[in-house]
Amino acid sequence: MTESRGLFLNFEGIDGCGKSTQKSLLAERLRTEGHQVLETEEPGGTPIGRQIRAVLLDSANQEMSATAELLLYFACRAQNVEQWIAPALDQGRIVLTDRFTDSTFAYQAYGRGLGEEVVAGLDRIACRGVSPDLTFLFDIDLETSMKRAKARSRFDRMDSQAIEFYERVREGYRTLATRAPERFCVIDGRATVLEISEEVWRAAEGRLKWVK
């Protein structure tokens, strides 16, 4: 991270972990404190990214291959980095993203079995060295995840995956966090929204001094 760069925070976890809620709460608090904040998501973010997201999550696209899925995620991410994330960081802003490459390692490298090497190679092409300074991983058990997913009104292609797939994804996340403890802040996603938000704020507050 160069001295002119802002701060890049990533929110990760399996479905139903509460990451989207916590991203929004942190963004609101940061703005109250006077910080300039960009919120984005993966897949999605940019207008082009939202079109790619529609293809990725369409429940009609069950025949999509694991490789095609992987490439679409990185196409979306490349646009997000180029159009929104990198310029915001260069301007010294705080960027909050709902998922980034850690999701691809968890879901495609581990969940789909495509391996870490191919994901790392595509990350170098699509993200050009842009990576989170701090990653919040909200860890929940699969029973809680499935219960929360069923409570949602929407149902997309990823919701139809077998439980064994999500077991591999969760284990993948844990592996990533163990390898990079200086970047990951692992939080019990079963705690209350308020308890989690306070833990998120304490971790983020320690990095705010990086913002120039």
N, C-alpha and C. Protein backbone atom coordinates (compact mmCIF):
# COMPACT_ATOMS: atom_id res chain seq x y z
N MET A 1 0.84 -1.20 0.00
CA MET A 1 0.00 0.00 0.00
C MET A 1 0.87 1.25 0.00
N THR A 2 0.67 2.13 -0.96
CA THR A 2 1.42 3.37 -1.01
C THR A 2 0.84 4.37 -0.04
N GLU A 3 1.63 5.42 0.28
CA GLU A 3 1.18 6.40 1.26
C GLU A 3 0.00 7.22 0.77
N SER A 4 -0.20 7.29 -0.54
CA SER A 4 -1.30 8.08 -1.09
C SER A 4 -2.61 7.29 -1.17
N ARG A 5 -2.53 6.01 -0.84
CA ARG A 5 -3.69 5.14 -1.01
C ARG A 5 -4.64 5.24 0.17
N GLY A 6 -5.91 4.99 -0.12
CA GLY A 6 -6.92 4.99 0.94
C GLY A 6 -6.89 3.69 1.71
N LEU A 7 -8.04 3.19 2.07
CA LEU A 7 -8.15 1.97 2.88
C LEU A 7 -9.17 1.05 2.23
N PHE A 8 -8.81 -0.22 2.09
CA PHE A 8 -9.65 -1.20 1.41
C PHE A 8 -10.07 -2.29 2.40
N LEU A 9 -11.37 -2.35 2.71
CA LEU A 9 -11.90 -3.31 3.66
C LEU A 9 -12.87 -4.26 2.96
N ASN A 10 -12.72 -5.54 3.26
CA ASN A 10 -13.48 -6.59 2.59
C ASN A 10 -14.32 -7.36 3.60
N PHE A 11 -15.54 -7.71 3.20
CA PHE A 11 -16.46 -8.44 4.07
C PHE A 11 -16.75 -9.80 3.44
N GLU A 12 -16.44 -10.87 4.17
CA GLU A 12 -16.52 -12.21 3.61
C GLU A 12 -17.29 -13.18 4.52
N GLY A 13 -17.70 -14.31 3.95
CA GLY A 13 -18.36 -15.37 4.70
C GLY A 13 -19.37 -16.09 3.83
N ILE A 14 -19.84 -17.24 4.31
CA ILE A 14 -20.84 -17.99 3.57
C ILE A 14 -22.18 -17.27 3.67
N ASP A 15 -23.12 -17.68 2.84
CA ASP A 15 -24.42 -17.01 2.78
C ASP A 15 -25.09 -16.96 4.15
N GLY A 16 -25.70 -15.82 4.44
CA GLY A 16 -26.41 -15.67 5.70
C GLY A 16 -25.55 -15.29 6.87
N CYS A 17 -24.28 -14.97 6.63
CA CYS A 17 -23.37 -14.67 7.74
C CYS A 17 -23.55 -13.26 8.30
N GLY A 18 -24.25 -12.38 7.57
CA GLY A 18 -24.48 -11.02 8.04
C GLY A 18 -23.50 -9.99 7.53
N LYS A 19 -22.66 -10.36 6.57
CA LYS A 19 -21.62 -9.45 6.09
C LYS A 19 -22.20 -8.19 5.43
N SER A 20 -23.27 -8.33 4.67
CA SER A 20 -23.85 -7.17 3.98
C SER A 20 -24.39 -6.16 4.98
N THR A 21 -25.04 -6.65 6.02
CA THR A 21 -25.56 -5.77 7.06
C THR A 21 -24.42 -5.02 7.75
N GLN A 22 -23.36 -5.73 8.06
CA GLN A 22 -22.24 -5.11 8.77
C GLN A 22 -21.49 -4.13 7.88
N LYS A 23 -21.42 -4.40 6.59
CA LYS A 23 -20.79 -3.44 5.68
C LYS A 23 -21.55 -2.12 5.68
N SER A 24 -22.86 -2.21 5.61
CA SER A 24 -23.69 -1.01 5.59
C SER A 24 -23.58 -0.23 6.90
N LEU A 25 -23.55 -0.94 8.02
CA LEU A 25 -23.43 -0.28 9.32
C LEU A 25 -22.09 0.42 9.47
N LEU A 26 -21.02 -0.23 9.01
CA LEU A 26 -19.71 0.40 9.10
C LEU A 26 -19.63 1.61 8.18
N ALA A 27 -20.18 1.51 6.98
CA ALA A 27 -20.17 2.64 6.05
C ALA A 27 -20.87 3.85 6.67
N GLU A 28 -22.00 3.60 7.29
CA GLU A 28 -22.76 4.69 7.92
C GLU A 28 -21.95 5.34 9.04
N ARG A 29 -21.29 4.53 9.85
CA ARG A 29 -20.51 5.06 10.96
C ARG A 29 -19.30 5.85 10.46
N LEU A 30 -18.64 5.33 9.43
CA LEU A 30 -17.48 6.02 8.87
C LEU A 30 -17.88 7.38 8.29
N ARG A 31 -19.00 7.42 7.61
CA ARG A 31 -19.47 8.70 7.06
C ARG A 31 -19.81 9.68 8.17
N THR A 32 -20.37 9.18 9.24
CA THR A 32 -20.66 10.03 10.40
C THR A 32 -19.39 10.62 10.97
N GLU A 33 -18.31 9.86 10.89
CA GLU A 33 -17.01 10.32 11.38
C GLU A 33 -16.30 11.23 10.38
N GLY A 34 -16.93 11.47 9.24
CA GLY A 34 -16.37 12.40 8.27
C GLY A 34 -15.53 11.79 7.16
N HIS A 35 -15.55 10.46 7.04
CA HIS A 35 -14.73 9.80 6.02
C HIS A 35 -15.50 9.68 4.70
N GLN A 36 -14.76 9.71 3.60
CA GLN A 36 -15.34 9.47 2.28
C GLN A 36 -15.32 7.98 2.01
N VAL A 37 -16.48 7.42 1.73
CA VAL A 37 -16.62 5.97 1.63
C VAL A 37 -17.22 5.56 0.29
N LEU A 38 -16.64 4.53 -0.32
CA LEU A 38 -17.23 3.89 -1.49
C LEU A 38 -17.67 2.50 -1.09
N GLU A 39 -18.95 2.18 -1.32
CA GLU A 39 -19.46 0.83 -1.08
C GLU A 39 -19.64 0.12 -2.42
N THR A 40 -19.20 -1.13 -2.46
CA THR A 40 -19.38 -1.92 -3.66
C THR A 40 -19.61 -3.37 -3.27
N GLU A 41 -19.80 -4.22 -4.27
CA GLU A 41 -20.06 -5.63 -3.99
C GLU A 41 -19.55 -6.50 -5.13
N GLU A 42 -19.38 -7.80 -4.79
CA GLU A 42 -18.98 -8.80 -5.77
C GLU A 42 -19.90 -10.01 -5.65
N PRO A 43 -20.44 -10.49 -6.77
CA PRO A 43 -20.38 -9.86 -8.09
C PRO A 43 -21.36 -8.69 -8.16
N GLY A 44 -21.05 -7.75 -8.99
CA GLY A 44 -21.90 -6.58 -9.14
C GLY A 44 -21.07 -5.32 -9.19
N GLY A 45 -21.43 -4.39 -8.32
CA GLY A 45 -20.68 -3.14 -8.24
C GLY A 45 -21.02 -2.20 -9.37
N THR A 46 -20.33 -2.32 -10.46
CA THR A 46 -20.50 -1.43 -11.60
C THR A 46 -21.73 -1.83 -12.42
N PRO A 47 -22.20 -0.95 -13.32
CA PRO A 47 -23.32 -1.34 -14.21
C PRO A 47 -23.01 -2.59 -15.02
N ILE A 48 -21.80 -2.69 -15.55
CA ILE A 48 -21.42 -3.90 -16.29
C ILE A 48 -21.40 -5.11 -15.35
N GLY A 49 -20.87 -4.90 -14.16
CA GLY A 49 -20.80 -5.97 -13.18
C GLY A 49 -22.16 -6.50 -12.79
N ARG A 50 -23.15 -5.62 -12.73
CA ARG A 50 -24.49 -6.06 -12.36
C ARG A 50 -25.11 -6.93 -13.45
N GLN A 51 -24.74 -6.66 -14.71
CA GLN A 51 -25.21 -7.52 -15.79
C GLN A 51 -24.58 -8.91 -15.69
N ILE A 52 -23.29 -8.95 -15.34
CA ILE A 52 -22.61 -10.23 -15.16
C ILE A 52 -23.21 -10.97 -13.96
N ARG A 53 -23.52 -10.23 -12.90
CA ARG A 53 -24.13 -10.83 -11.70
C ARG A 53 -25.44 -11.53 -12.05
N ALA A 54 -26.23 -10.90 -12.90
CA ALA A 54 -27.51 -11.48 -13.28
C ALA A 54 -27.32 -12.84 -13.94
N VAL A 55 -26.30 -12.97 -14.77
CA VAL A 55 -26.01 -14.25 -15.42
C VAL A 55 -25.52 -15.27 -14.40
N LEU A 56 -24.62 -14.85 -13.52
CA LEU A 56 -24.04 -15.76 -12.54
C LEU A 56 -25.08 -16.34 -11.58
N LEU A 57 -26.03 -15.52 -11.17
CA LEU A 57 -26.97 -15.95 -10.13
C LEU A 57 -28.30 -16.45 -10.66
N ASP A 58 -28.51 -16.36 -11.97
CA ASP A 58 -29.77 -16.81 -12.55
C ASP A 58 -29.94 -18.32 -12.31
N SER A 59 -30.99 -18.69 -11.61
CA SER A 59 -31.22 -20.09 -11.29
C SER A 59 -31.46 -20.95 -12.53
N ALA A 60 -31.72 -20.31 -13.66
CA ALA A 60 -31.91 -21.06 -14.91
C ALA A 60 -30.59 -21.54 -15.50
N ASN A 61 -29.47 -21.00 -15.01
CA ASN A 61 -28.16 -21.31 -15.59
C ASN A 61 -27.45 -22.43 -14.84
N GLN A 62 -28.16 -23.50 -14.56
CA GLN A 62 -27.56 -24.62 -13.82
C GLN A 62 -26.47 -25.34 -14.60
N GLU A 63 -26.49 -25.19 -15.92
CA GLU A 63 -25.49 -25.89 -16.73
C GLU A 63 -24.16 -25.14 -16.80
N MET A 64 -24.06 -23.99 -16.15
CA MET A 64 -22.81 -23.21 -16.20
C MET A 64 -21.65 -24.03 -15.64
N SER A 65 -20.55 -24.09 -16.38
CA SER A 65 -19.39 -24.85 -15.93
C SER A 65 -18.64 -24.09 -14.85
N ALA A 66 -17.86 -24.79 -14.06
CA ALA A 66 -17.09 -24.17 -12.99
C ALA A 66 -16.08 -23.17 -13.55
N THR A 67 -15.49 -23.48 -14.70
CA THR A 67 -14.51 -22.59 -15.31
C THR A 67 -15.17 -21.31 -15.81
N ALA A 68 -16.33 -21.46 -16.47
CA ALA A 68 -17.06 -20.28 -16.94
C ALA A 68 -17.46 -19.41 -15.76
N GLU A 69 -17.92 -20.02 -14.69
CA GLU A 69 -18.28 -19.29 -13.48
C GLU A 69 -17.09 -18.49 -12.95
N LEU A 70 -15.96 -19.15 -12.86
CA LEU A 70 -14.74 -18.49 -12.37
C LEU A 70 -14.37 -17.28 -13.21
N LEU A 71 -14.40 -17.43 -14.53
CA LEU A 71 -14.01 -16.34 -15.41
C LEU A 71 -15.00 -15.18 -15.35
N LEU A 72 -16.27 -15.48 -15.17
CA LEU A 72 -17.26 -14.42 -15.06
C LEU A 72 -17.06 -13.62 -13.77
N TYR A 73 -16.76 -14.30 -12.69
CA TYR A 73 -16.49 -13.58 -11.44
C TYR A 73 -15.31 -12.62 -11.60
N PHE A 74 -14.26 -13.08 -12.26
CA PHE A 74 -13.10 -12.22 -12.42
C PHE A 74 -13.33 -11.12 -13.45
N ALA A 75 -14.17 -11.37 -14.45
CA ALA A 75 -14.52 -10.30 -15.39
C ALA A 75 -15.22 -9.18 -14.65
N CYS A 76 -16.15 -9.56 -13.78
CA CYS A 76 -16.87 -8.59 -12.96
C CYS A 76 -15.91 -7.82 -12.06
N ARG A 77 -14.97 -8.55 -11.45
CA ARG A 77 -14.02 -7.93 -10.52
C ARG A 77 -13.05 -7.00 -11.24
N ALA A 78 -12.62 -7.38 -12.42
CA ALA A 78 -11.70 -6.53 -13.18
C ALA A 78 -12.34 -5.18 -13.49
N GLN A 79 -13.61 -5.20 -13.87
CA GLN A 79 -14.33 -3.96 -14.14
C GLN A 79 -14.48 -3.12 -12.88
N ASN A 80 -14.77 -3.77 -11.78
CA ASN A 80 -14.93 -3.08 -10.50
C ASN A 80 -13.65 -2.39 -10.07
N VAL A 81 -12.54 -3.11 -10.19
CA VAL A 81 -11.24 -2.55 -9.82
C VAL A 81 -10.89 -1.36 -10.72
N GLU A 82 -11.06 -1.54 -12.01
CA GLU A 82 -10.68 -0.51 -12.97
C GLU A 82 -11.57 0.73 -12.85
N GLN A 83 -12.87 0.52 -12.73
CA GLN A 83 -13.80 1.64 -12.79
C GLN A 83 -14.02 2.32 -11.44
N TRP A 84 -14.04 1.55 -10.38
CA TRP A 84 -14.42 2.13 -9.08
C TRP A 84 -13.36 2.01 -8.00
N ILE A 85 -12.87 0.80 -7.75
CA ILE A 85 -12.05 0.57 -6.55
C ILE A 85 -10.71 1.27 -6.62
N ALA A 86 -9.93 1.03 -7.67
CA ALA A 86 -8.60 1.65 -7.77
C ALA A 86 -8.67 3.18 -7.77
N PRO A 87 -9.57 3.81 -8.55
CA PRO A 87 -9.65 5.28 -8.50
C PRO A 87 -10.01 5.80 -7.11
N ALA A 88 -10.93 5.12 -6.41
CA ALA A 88 -11.32 5.57 -5.07
C ALA A 88 -10.14 5.48 -4.10
N LEU A 89 -9.38 4.41 -4.18
CA LEU A 89 -8.22 4.26 -3.31
C LEU A 89 -7.16 5.32 -3.62
N ASP A 90 -6.97 5.60 -4.90
CA ASP A 90 -6.01 6.64 -5.29
C ASP A 90 -6.42 8.01 -4.77
N GLN A 91 -7.73 8.21 -4.58
CA GLN A 91 -8.24 9.48 -4.05
C GLN A 91 -8.21 9.52 -2.52
N GLY A 92 -7.72 8.44 -1.90
CA GLY A 92 -7.63 8.40 -0.45
C GLY A 92 -8.93 8.05 0.25
N ARG A 93 -9.88 7.48 -0.47
CA ARG A 93 -11.17 7.12 0.11
C ARG A 93 -11.10 5.74 0.77
N ILE A 94 -12.10 5.44 1.58
CA ILE A 94 -12.24 4.12 2.18
C ILE A 94 -13.20 3.31 1.33
N VAL A 95 -12.74 2.16 0.87
CA VAL A 95 -13.56 1.28 0.03
C VAL A 95 -14.01 0.09 0.86
N LEU A 96 -15.31 -0.16 0.87
CA LEU A 96 -15.89 -1.32 1.54
C LEU A 96 -16.52 -2.21 0.47
N THR A 97 -16.10 -3.46 0.41
CA THR A 97 -16.68 -4.37 -0.58
C THR A 97 -17.27 -5.60 0.07
N ASP A 98 -18.44 -5.96 -0.40
CA ASP A 98 -19.11 -7.19 -0.02
C ASP A 98 -18.58 -8.27 -0.95
N ARG A 99 -17.54 -8.97 -0.51
CA ARG A 99 -16.80 -10.01 -1.23
C ARG A 99 -15.72 -9.42 -2.14
N PHE A 100 -14.64 -10.21 -2.26
CA PHE A 100 -13.57 -9.91 -3.22
C PHE A 100 -12.90 -11.25 -3.54
N THR A 101 -11.63 -11.27 -3.86
CA THR A 101 -10.99 -12.51 -4.33
C THR A 101 -11.00 -13.62 -3.29
N ASP A 102 -11.05 -13.28 -2.01
CA ASP A 102 -11.14 -14.33 -0.99
C ASP A 102 -12.35 -15.22 -1.24
N SER A 103 -13.45 -14.62 -1.70
CA SER A 103 -14.64 -15.41 -2.03
C SER A 103 -14.35 -16.40 -3.14
N THR A 104 -13.57 -15.98 -4.12
CA THR A 104 -13.27 -16.85 -5.24
C THR A 104 -12.37 -18.00 -4.82
N PHE A 105 -11.42 -17.71 -3.93
CA PHE A 105 -10.62 -18.80 -3.38
C PHE A 105 -11.52 -19.79 -2.64
N ALA A 106 -12.43 -19.29 -1.80
CA ALA A 106 -13.29 -20.16 -1.01
C ALA A 106 -14.28 -20.94 -1.87
N TYR A 107 -14.97 -20.24 -2.77
CA TYR A 107 -16.04 -20.87 -3.54
C TYR A 107 -15.55 -21.64 -4.76
N GLN A 108 -14.59 -21.09 -5.49
CA GLN A 108 -14.15 -21.75 -6.72
C GLN A 108 -12.90 -22.62 -6.52
N ALA A 109 -11.89 -22.11 -5.81
CA ALA A 109 -10.69 -22.92 -5.59
C ALA A 109 -10.99 -24.11 -4.69
N TYR A 110 -11.69 -23.85 -3.58
CA TYR A 110 -12.01 -24.92 -2.64
C TYR A 110 -13.36 -25.57 -2.94
N GLY A 111 -14.41 -24.77 -3.03
CA GLY A 111 -15.74 -25.33 -3.25
C GLY A 111 -15.86 -26.10 -4.54
N ARG A 112 -15.38 -25.51 -5.65
CA ARG A 112 -15.46 -26.17 -6.96
C ARG A 112 -14.27 -27.08 -7.23
N GLY A 113 -13.22 -26.94 -6.43
CA GLY A 113 -12.04 -27.78 -6.63
C GLY A 113 -11.15 -27.35 -7.78
N LEU A 114 -11.22 -26.06 -8.16
CA LEU A 114 -10.40 -25.59 -9.28
C LEU A 114 -8.96 -25.31 -8.88
N GLY A 115 -8.69 -25.22 -7.59
CA GLY A 115 -7.32 -25.03 -7.12
C GLY A 115 -6.93 -23.57 -6.96
N GLU A 116 -6.01 -23.35 -6.04
CA GLU A 116 -5.60 -22.00 -5.72
C GLU A 116 -4.75 -21.34 -6.80
N GLU A 117 -3.97 -22.12 -7.51
CA GLU A 117 -3.05 -21.55 -8.49
C GLU A 117 -3.77 -20.79 -9.59
N VAL A 118 -4.84 -21.37 -10.11
CA VAL A 118 -5.57 -20.71 -11.20
C VAL A 118 -6.25 -19.44 -10.70
N VAL A 119 -6.77 -19.47 -9.48
CA VAL A 119 -7.41 -18.28 -8.92
C VAL A 119 -6.38 -17.18 -8.69
N ALA A 120 -5.23 -17.54 -8.15
CA ALA A 120 -4.18 -16.55 -7.91
C ALA A 120 -3.70 -15.93 -9.21
N GLY A 121 -3.61 -16.74 -10.26
CA GLY A 121 -3.17 -16.21 -11.55
C GLY A 121 -4.15 -15.22 -12.14
N LEU A 122 -5.43 -15.53 -12.05
CA LEU A 122 -6.45 -14.61 -12.56
C LEU A 122 -6.55 -13.34 -11.72
N ASP A 123 -6.31 -13.48 -10.42
CA ASP A 123 -6.31 -12.30 -9.56
C ASP A 123 -5.23 -11.32 -9.98
N ARG A 124 -4.06 -11.83 -10.34
CA ARG A 124 -2.97 -10.94 -10.77
C ARG A 124 -3.35 -10.18 -12.04
N ILE A 125 -4.10 -10.82 -12.93
CA ILE A 125 -4.52 -10.16 -14.17
C ILE A 125 -5.64 -9.17 -13.90
N ALA A 126 -6.66 -9.59 -13.17
CA ALA A 126 -7.86 -8.78 -12.99
C ALA A 126 -7.69 -7.65 -11.98
N CYS A 127 -6.95 -7.90 -10.94
CA CYS A 127 -6.88 -6.93 -9.83
C CYS A 127 -5.60 -6.10 -9.81
N ARG A 128 -4.59 -6.53 -10.56
CA ARG A 128 -3.36 -5.74 -10.72
C ARG A 128 -2.77 -5.29 -9.38
N GLY A 129 -2.75 -6.20 -8.42
CA GLY A 129 -2.13 -5.90 -7.13
C GLY A 129 -3.05 -5.25 -6.12
N VAL A 130 -4.26 -4.90 -6.51
CA VAL A 130 -5.21 -4.30 -5.57
C VAL A 130 -5.77 -5.41 -4.68
N SER A 131 -5.60 -5.28 -3.38
CA SER A 131 -6.10 -6.29 -2.45
C SER A 131 -6.48 -5.63 -1.14
N PRO A 132 -7.37 -6.25 -0.38
CA PRO A 132 -7.84 -5.64 0.87
C PRO A 132 -6.75 -5.46 1.91
N ASP A 133 -6.87 -4.38 2.68
CA ASP A 133 -5.97 -4.16 3.81
C ASP A 133 -6.47 -4.90 5.04
N LEU A 134 -7.77 -5.10 5.12
CA LEU A 134 -8.39 -5.80 6.24
C LEU A 134 -9.61 -6.55 5.73
N THR A 135 -9.71 -7.81 6.11
CA THR A 135 -10.83 -8.65 5.69
C THR A 135 -11.58 -9.15 6.91
N PHE A 136 -12.87 -8.85 6.95
CA PHE A 136 -13.73 -9.37 8.01
C PHE A 136 -14.34 -10.68 7.53
N LEU A 137 -14.10 -11.75 8.27
CA LEU A 137 -14.68 -13.04 7.95
C LEU A 137 -15.70 -13.38 9.04
N PHE A 138 -16.98 -13.41 8.65
CA PHE A 138 -18.05 -13.72 9.59
C PHE A 138 -18.33 -15.22 9.49
N ASP A 139 -17.91 -15.93 10.51
CA ASP A 139 -17.97 -17.39 10.49
C ASP A 139 -19.25 -17.87 11.17
N ILE A 140 -20.05 -18.65 10.45
CA ILE A 140 -21.24 -19.26 11.02
C ILE A 140 -21.29 -20.73 10.61
N ASP A 141 -22.00 -21.51 11.38
CA ASP A 141 -22.17 -22.92 11.04
C ASP A 141 -23.14 -23.06 9.88
N LEU A 142 -23.07 -24.20 9.22
CA LEU A 142 -23.88 -24.41 8.02
C LEU A 142 -25.38 -24.46 8.32
N GLU A 143 -25.73 -24.95 9.50
CA GLU A 143 -27.15 -25.00 9.86
C GLU A 143 -27.74 -23.60 9.93
N THR A 144 -26.99 -22.68 10.56
CA THR A 144 -27.44 -21.29 10.65
C THR A 144 -27.50 -20.66 9.26
N SER A 145 -26.49 -20.95 8.46
CA SER A 145 -26.45 -20.40 7.10
C SER A 145 -27.67 -20.83 6.29
N MET A 146 -27.97 -22.13 6.32
CA MET A 146 -29.10 -22.65 5.54
C MET A 146 -30.43 -22.08 6.05
N LYS A 147 -30.55 -21.96 7.35
CA LYS A 147 -31.78 -21.42 7.94
C LYS A 147 -32.02 -19.99 7.49
N ARG A 148 -30.95 -19.18 7.51
CA ARG A 148 -31.08 -17.78 7.11
C ARG A 148 -31.33 -17.67 5.61
N ALA A 149 -30.71 -18.54 4.83
CA ALA A 149 -30.90 -18.50 3.37
C ALA A 149 -32.36 -18.81 3.01
N LYS A 150 -32.94 -19.78 3.72
CA LYS A 150 -34.33 -20.16 3.43
C LYS A 150 -35.30 -19.05 3.82
N ALA A 151 -34.89 -18.21 4.77
CA ALA A 151 -35.76 -17.13 5.22
C ALA A 151 -35.81 -15.97 4.25
N ARG A 152 -34.86 -15.94 3.30
CA ARG A 152 -34.85 -14.87 2.31
C ARG A 152 -35.94 -15.10 1.27
N SER A 153 -36.38 -14.01 0.66
CA SER A 153 -37.42 -14.12 -0.35
C SER A 153 -36.88 -14.58 -1.69
N ARG A 154 -35.59 -14.34 -1.94
CA ARG A 154 -35.02 -14.69 -3.23
C ARG A 154 -34.36 -16.07 -3.17
N PHE A 155 -34.17 -16.69 -4.34
CA PHE A 155 -33.49 -17.97 -4.46
C PHE A 155 -32.69 -17.93 -5.75
N ASP A 156 -31.35 -18.02 -5.64
CA ASP A 156 -30.53 -17.92 -6.85
C ASP A 156 -29.76 -19.22 -7.08
N ARG A 157 -28.96 -19.21 -8.15
CA ARG A 157 -28.25 -20.43 -8.55
C ARG A 157 -27.34 -20.97 -7.46
N MET A 158 -26.68 -20.09 -6.70
CA MET A 158 -25.76 -20.55 -5.67
C MET A 158 -26.49 -21.18 -4.49
N ASP A 159 -27.75 -20.83 -4.30
CA ASP A 159 -28.52 -21.41 -3.19
C ASP A 159 -28.83 -22.88 -3.41
N SER A 160 -28.68 -23.36 -4.64
CA SER A 160 -29.05 -24.74 -4.95
C SER A 160 -27.88 -25.71 -4.82
N GLN A 161 -26.72 -25.23 -4.35
CA GLN A 161 -25.55 -26.09 -4.23
C GLN A 161 -25.71 -27.06 -3.06
N ALA A 162 -25.06 -28.21 -3.15
CA ALA A 162 -25.13 -29.23 -2.11
C ALA A 162 -24.43 -28.75 -0.84
N ILE A 163 -24.83 -29.30 0.29
CA ILE A 163 -24.25 -28.89 1.56
C ILE A 163 -22.76 -29.20 1.61
N GLU A 164 -22.33 -30.25 0.89
CA GLU A 164 -20.91 -30.60 0.86
C GLU A 164 -20.09 -29.48 0.22
N PHE A 165 -20.70 -28.81 -0.75
CA PHE A 165 -20.04 -27.67 -1.40
C PHE A 165 -19.77 -26.58 -0.37
N TYR A 166 -20.77 -26.25 0.44
CA TYR A 166 -20.60 -25.19 1.43
C TYR A 166 -19.68 -25.60 2.57
N GLU A 167 -19.59 -26.89 2.85
CA GLU A 167 -18.60 -27.35 3.83
C GLU A 167 -17.19 -27.07 3.34
N ARG A 168 -16.95 -27.30 2.05
CA ARG A 168 -15.63 -27.01 1.49
C ARG A 168 -15.36 -25.51 1.46
N VAL A 169 -16.40 -24.73 1.17
CA VAL A 169 -16.25 -23.27 1.14
C VAL A 169 -15.88 -22.74 2.52
N ARG A 170 -16.60 -23.19 3.54
CA ARG A 170 -16.32 -22.72 4.90
C ARG A 170 -14.91 -23.11 5.33
N GLU A 171 -14.51 -24.33 5.01
CA GLU A 171 -13.16 -24.77 5.35
C GLU A 171 -12.12 -23.96 4.59
N GLY A 172 -12.45 -23.60 3.35
CA GLY A 172 -11.55 -22.76 2.57
C GLY A 172 -11.34 -21.41 3.21
N TYR A 173 -12.41 -20.81 3.66
CA TYR A 173 -12.31 -19.52 4.35
C TYR A 173 -11.43 -19.64 5.59
N ARG A 174 -11.63 -20.68 6.35
CA ARG A 174 -10.84 -20.86 7.56
C ARG A 174 -9.36 -21.02 7.24
N THR A 175 -9.08 -21.73 6.17
CA THR A 175 -7.69 -21.91 5.74
C THR A 175 -7.06 -20.57 5.37
N LEU A 176 -7.78 -19.75 4.61
CA LEU A 176 -7.27 -18.44 4.22
C LEU A 176 -6.98 -17.57 5.44
N ALA A 177 -7.89 -17.59 6.41
CA ALA A 177 -7.73 -16.78 7.61
C ALA A 177 -6.53 -17.23 8.43
N THR A 178 -6.31 -18.53 8.49
CA THR A 178 -5.17 -19.05 9.24
C THR A 178 -3.85 -18.64 8.60
N ARG A 179 -3.85 -18.58 7.28
CA ARG A 179 -2.62 -18.22 6.56
C ARG A 179 -2.28 -16.74 6.66
N ALA A 180 -3.29 -15.90 6.81
CA ALA A 180 -3.05 -14.45 6.83
C ALA A 180 -3.73 -13.81 8.05
N PRO A 181 -3.30 -14.15 9.26
CA PRO A 181 -3.94 -13.62 10.46
C PRO A 181 -3.79 -12.12 10.62
N GLU A 182 -2.77 -11.54 9.98
CA GLU A 182 -2.57 -10.09 10.07
C GLU A 182 -3.60 -9.32 9.26
N ARG A 183 -4.21 -9.97 8.28
CA ARG A 183 -5.22 -9.31 7.44
C ARG A 183 -6.64 -9.69 7.83
N PHE A 184 -6.85 -10.91 8.28
CA PHE A 184 -8.19 -11.38 8.59
C PHE A 184 -8.60 -11.06 10.02
N CYS A 185 -9.83 -10.60 10.16
CA CYS A 185 -10.48 -10.45 11.46
C CYS A 185 -11.66 -11.41 11.45
N VAL A 186 -11.53 -12.52 12.16
CA VAL A 186 -12.57 -13.54 12.16
C VAL A 186 -13.55 -13.26 13.29
N ILE A 187 -14.83 -13.19 12.94
CA ILE A 187 -15.88 -12.82 13.90
C ILE A 187 -16.96 -13.88 13.90
N ASP A 188 -17.47 -14.21 15.09
CA ASP A 188 -18.55 -15.17 15.22
C ASP A 188 -19.84 -14.53 14.70
N GLY A 189 -20.31 -15.02 13.56
CA GLY A 189 -21.49 -14.44 12.93
C GLY A 189 -22.79 -14.75 13.64
N ARG A 190 -22.75 -15.54 14.71
CA ARG A 190 -23.97 -15.88 15.45
C ARG A 190 -24.27 -14.87 16.55
N ALA A 191 -23.32 -13.95 16.82
CA ALA A 191 -23.55 -12.93 17.84
C ALA A 191 -24.61 -11.94 17.35
N THR A 192 -25.02 -11.03 18.22
CA THR A 192 -26.03 -10.05 17.83
C THR A 192 -25.44 -9.06 16.84
N VAL A 193 -26.31 -8.40 16.10
CA VAL A 193 -25.87 -7.40 15.13
C VAL A 193 -25.07 -6.31 15.82
N LEU A 194 -25.52 -5.87 16.99
CA LEU A 194 -24.82 -4.81 17.72
C LEU A 194 -23.46 -5.28 18.20
N GLU A 195 -23.38 -6.47 18.74
CA GLU A 195 -22.09 -7.00 19.22
C GLU A 195 -21.09 -7.10 18.07
N ILE A 196 -21.58 -7.60 16.95
CA ILE A 196 -20.69 -7.74 15.79
C ILE A 196 -20.24 -6.38 15.27
N SER A 197 -21.18 -5.43 15.20
CA SER A 197 -20.83 -4.11 14.67
C SER A 197 -19.77 -3.42 15.52
N GLU A 198 -19.82 -3.62 16.83
CA GLU A 198 -18.82 -3.03 17.71
C GLU A 198 -17.46 -3.67 17.50
N GLU A 199 -17.45 -4.98 17.27
CA GLU A 199 -16.19 -5.67 17.01
C GLU A 199 -15.61 -5.23 15.67
N VAL A 200 -16.47 -5.05 14.69
CA VAL A 200 -16.04 -4.56 13.38
C VAL A 200 -15.44 -3.17 13.52
N TRP A 201 -16.11 -2.31 14.26
CA TRP A 201 -15.62 -0.94 14.41
C TRP A 201 -14.26 -0.89 15.09
N ARG A 202 -14.07 -1.70 16.13
CA ARG A 202 -12.78 -1.71 16.83
C ARG A 202 -11.65 -2.11 15.89
N ALA A 203 -11.90 -3.11 15.06
CA ALA A 203 -10.88 -3.55 14.13
C ALA A 203 -10.62 -2.51 13.05
N ALA A 204 -11.69 -1.91 12.53
CA ALA A 204 -11.53 -0.91 11.46
C ALA A 204 -10.85 0.34 12.00
N GLU A 205 -11.19 0.73 13.22
CA GLU A 205 -10.64 1.95 13.81
C GLU A 205 -9.13 1.90 13.88
N GLY A 206 -8.59 0.69 14.10
CA GLY A 206 -7.14 0.55 14.18
C GLY A 206 -6.44 0.75 12.86
N ARG A 207 -7.18 0.69 11.76
CA ARG A 207 -6.59 0.88 10.43
C ARG A 207 -6.83 2.28 9.85
N LEU A 208 -7.64 3.08 10.50
CA LEU A 208 -7.99 4.37 9.93
C LEU A 208 -6.80 5.31 9.82
N LYS A 209 -5.79 5.07 10.64
CA LYS A 209 -4.59 5.90 10.58
C LYS A 209 -3.85 5.73 9.25
N TRP A 210 -4.20 4.66 8.50
CA TRP A 210 -3.59 4.45 7.20
C TRP A 210 -4.12 5.40 6.15
N VAL A 211 -5.32 5.93 6.37
CA VAL A 211 -5.95 6.80 5.39
C VAL A 211 -5.26 8.14 5.37
N LYS A 212 -4.79 8.57 4.21
CA LYS A 212 -4.06 9.84 4.07
C LYS A 212 -4.98 10.95 3.60
